[in-house]
Amino acid sequence: MAKLSSINKNNKRIKLSDKFYKKREKLKKIVMDKKLPFEERFKAQQKLSKLPRNSAKIRVMNRCQITGRPHGVYRKLKISRIALRQLGLQGKIPGLVKSSW
């Protein structure tokens, strides 16, 4: 199990990124639009930098839903490689068979 504080920190980042998603996207479009005047783009960049850092989607870590492990997580299943193996050995994942030869 991962530390509870790191799991809670990541959950906070998820909430912040959801909250500020539309605002960040709108400001990013303004900043990237080369047709707009420099001053307007610069003001948009300043507003973007004043938003909380943890509201950026890139700061959210993919964590295992079972153990909270941050690395070796399958995106589609949202569980780590270790948890996947344990569930597979218990026969709880349909179609998954441990290969041996």
C-alpha atoms as a PDB file:
ATOM      1  CA  MET A   1       0.000   0.000   0.000  1.00  0.00           C
ATOM      2  CA  ALA A   2       1.125   3.507  -0.785  1.00  0.00           C
ATOM      3  CA  LYS A   3       1.199   6.206   1.855  1.00  0.00           C
ATOM      4  CA  LEU A   4      -2.265   7.578   2.502  1.00  0.00           C
ATOM      5  CA  SER A   5      -0.956  11.144   2.288  1.00  0.00           C
ATOM      6  CA  SER A   6       0.339  10.626  -1.264  1.00  0.00           C
ATOM      7  CA  ILE A   7      -2.979   9.086  -2.331  1.00  0.00           C
ATOM      8  CA  ASN A   8      -4.894  12.007  -0.794  1.00  0.00           C
ATOM      9  CA  LYS A   9      -2.542  14.508  -2.445  1.00  0.00           C
ATOM     10  CA  ASN A  10      -3.190  12.909  -5.827  1.00  0.00           C
ATOM     11  CA  ASN A  11      -6.963  12.954  -5.223  1.00  0.00           C
ATOM     12  CA  LYS A  12      -6.712  16.672  -4.441  1.00  0.00           C
ATOM     13  CA  ARG A  13      -4.865  17.210  -7.728  1.00  0.00           C
ATOM     14  CA  ILE A  14      -7.596  15.339  -9.604  1.00  0.00           C
ATOM     15  CA  LYS A  15     -10.288  17.573  -8.081  1.00  0.00           C
ATOM     16  CA  LEU A  16      -8.323  20.754  -8.849  1.00  0.00           C
ATOM     17  CA  SER A  17      -7.621  19.711 -12.436  1.00  0.00           C
ATOM     18  CA  ASP A  18     -11.319  19.003 -12.990  1.00  0.00           C
ATOM     19  CA  LYS A  19     -12.287  22.331 -11.431  1.00  0.00           C
ATOM     20  CA  PHE A  20      -9.936  24.491 -13.509  1.00  0.00           C
ATOM     21  CA  TYR A  21      -9.965  22.437 -16.745  1.00  0.00           C
ATOM     22  CA  LYS A  22     -12.154  24.781 -18.828  1.00  0.00           C
ATOM     23  CA  LYS A  23     -10.427  27.931 -17.570  1.00  0.00           C
ATOM     24  CA  ARG A  24      -6.963  26.535 -18.323  1.00  0.00           C
ATOM     25  CA  GLU A  25      -7.985  25.405 -21.813  1.00  0.00           C
ATOM     26  CA  LYS A  26      -9.454  28.821 -22.621  1.00  0.00           C
ATOM     27  CA  LEU A  27      -6.299  30.616 -21.475  1.00  0.00           C
ATOM     28  CA  LYS A  28      -4.053  28.166 -23.349  1.00  0.00           C
ATOM     29  CA  LYS A  29      -5.945  28.804 -26.580  1.00  0.00           C
ATOM     30  CA  ILE A  30      -5.391  32.550 -26.164  1.00  0.00           C
ATOM     31  CA  VAL A  31      -1.683  32.081 -25.416  1.00  0.00           C
ATOM     32  CA  MET A  32      -1.129  29.807 -28.434  1.00  0.00           C
ATOM     33  CA  ASP A  33      -3.054  31.979 -30.911  1.00  0.00           C
ATOM     34  CA  LYS A  34      -0.332  33.830 -32.852  1.00  0.00           C
ATOM     35  CA  LYS A  35      -2.900  36.095 -34.541  1.00  0.00           C
ATOM     36  CA  LEU A  36      -3.730  37.883 -31.284  1.00  0.00           C
ATOM     37  CA  PRO A  37      -1.642  40.852 -30.101  1.00  0.00           C
ATOM     38  CA  PHE A  38       1.328  40.150 -27.858  1.00  0.00           C
ATOM     39  CA  GLU A  39      -0.079  42.102 -24.880  1.00  0.00           C
ATOM     40  CA  GLU A  40      -3.295  40.060 -24.819  1.00  0.00           C
ATOM     41  CA  ARG A  41      -1.381  36.791 -25.024  1.00  0.00           C
ATOM     42  CA  PHE A  42       0.983  37.944 -22.278  1.00  0.00           C
ATOM     43  CA  LYS A  43      -1.928  38.804 -19.955  1.00  0.00           C
ATOM     44  CA  ALA A  44      -3.438  35.378 -20.601  1.00  0.00           C
ATOM     45  CA  GLN A  45      -0.078  33.786 -19.773  1.00  0.00           C
ATOM     46  CA  GLN A  46       0.062  35.698 -16.491  1.00  0.00           C
ATOM     47  CA  LYS A  47      -3.466  34.585 -15.572  1.00  0.00           C
ATOM     48  CA  LEU A  48      -2.509  31.011 -16.408  1.00  0.00           C
ATOM     49  CA  SER A  49       0.551  31.181 -14.164  1.00  0.00           C
ATOM     50  CA  LYS A  50      -1.555  32.520 -11.266  1.00  0.00           C
ATOM     51  CA  LEU A  51      -3.727  29.386 -11.294  1.00  0.00           C
ATOM     52  CA  PRO A  52      -2.709  26.652  -8.817  1.00  0.00           C
ATOM     53  CA  ARG A  53       0.083  24.417 -10.068  1.00  0.00           C
ATOM     54  CA  ASN A  54      -1.776  21.312  -9.004  1.00  0.00           C
ATOM     55  CA  SER A  55      -4.659  22.250 -11.297  1.00  0.00           C
ATOM     56  CA  ALA A  56      -2.586  21.148 -14.307  1.00  0.00           C
ATOM     57  CA  LYS A  57      -3.641  17.763 -15.697  1.00  0.00           C
ATOM     58  CA  ILE A  58       0.007  16.741 -16.151  1.00  0.00           C
ATOM     59  CA  ARG A  59       0.565  16.720 -12.372  1.00  0.00           C
ATOM     60  CA  VAL A  60      -2.018  13.976 -11.806  1.00  0.00           C
ATOM     61  CA  MET A  61      -0.357  10.590 -11.253  1.00  0.00           C
ATOM     62  CA  ASN A  62      -1.866   7.347 -12.541  1.00  0.00           C
ATOM     63  CA  ARG A  63      -2.241   5.234  -9.413  1.00  0.00           C
ATOM     64  CA  CYS A  64      -3.493   1.705  -8.809  1.00  0.00           C
ATOM     65  CA  GLN A  65      -7.105   1.715  -7.598  1.00  0.00           C
ATOM     66  CA  ILE A  66      -6.401  -1.195  -5.242  1.00  0.00           C
ATOM     67  CA  THR A  67      -2.991  -0.477  -3.713  1.00  0.00           C
ATOM     68  CA  GLY A  68      -2.237   3.133  -4.657  1.00  0.00           C
ATOM     69  CA  ARG A  69       1.029   2.115  -6.327  1.00  0.00           C
ATOM     70  CA  PRO A  70       2.219   4.911  -8.671  1.00  0.00           C
ATOM     71  CA  HIS A  71       4.330   2.904 -11.144  1.00  0.00           C
ATOM     72  CA  GLY A  72       3.564  -0.038 -13.402  1.00  0.00           C
ATOM     73  CA  VAL A  73      -0.119   0.860 -13.723  1.00  0.00           C
ATOM     74  CA  TYR A  74      -2.153  -0.311 -16.710  1.00  0.00           C
ATOM     75  CA  ARG A  75      -4.203   2.656 -17.940  1.00  0.00           C
ATOM     76  CA  LYS A  76      -7.105   0.626 -19.239  1.00  0.00           C
ATOM     77  CA  LEU A  77      -7.552  -1.417 -16.054  1.00  0.00           C
ATOM     78  CA  LYS A  78      -6.345   1.254 -13.586  1.00  0.00           C
ATOM     79  CA  ILE A  79      -4.526  -1.364 -11.527  1.00  0.00           C
ATOM     80  CA  SER A  80      -0.829  -2.090 -11.106  1.00  0.00           C
ATOM     81  CA  ARG A  81       1.027  -5.030 -12.589  1.00  0.00           C
ATOM     82  CA  ILE A  82       1.364  -6.604  -9.146  1.00  0.00           C
ATOM     83  CA  ALA A  83      -2.339  -6.311  -8.315  1.00  0.00           C
ATOM     84  CA  LEU A  84      -3.180  -7.646 -11.791  1.00  0.00           C
ATOM     85  CA  ARG A  85      -1.033 -10.725 -11.195  1.00  0.00           C
ATOM     86  CA  GLN A  86      -2.584 -11.374  -7.768  1.00  0.00           C
ATOM     87  CA  LEU A  87      -6.127 -11.049  -9.103  1.00  0.00           C
ATOM     88  CA  GLY A  88      -5.251 -13.245 -12.072  1.00  0.00           C
ATOM     89  CA  LEU A  89      -3.847 -15.978  -9.844  1.00  0.00           C
ATOM     90  CA  GLN A  90      -7.010 -15.876  -7.734  1.00  0.00           C
ATOM     91  CA  GLY A  91      -9.089 -16.250 -10.903  1.00  0.00           C
ATOM     92  CA  LYS A  92     -10.918 -12.962 -10.433  1.00  0.00           C
ATOM     93  CA  ILE A  93     -10.131 -11.573 -13.888  1.00  0.00           C
ATOM     94  CA  PRO A  94     -11.969 -13.421 -16.657  1.00  0.00           C
ATOM     95  CA  GLY A  95      -9.807 -14.555 -19.539  1.00  0.00           C
ATOM     96  CA  LEU A  96      -6.507 -13.995 -17.718  1.00  0.00           C
ATOM     97  CA  VAL A  97      -4.420 -17.134 -17.335  1.00  0.00           C
ATOM     98  CA  LYS A  98      -0.955 -17.398 -15.852  1.00  0.00           C
ATOM     99  CA  SER A  99       1.226 -18.918 -18.520  1.00  0.00           C
ATOM    100  CA  SER A 100       3.727 -21.628 -17.660  1.00  0.00           C
ATOM    101  CA  TRP A 101       5.840 -23.819 -19.930  1.00  0.00           C
END
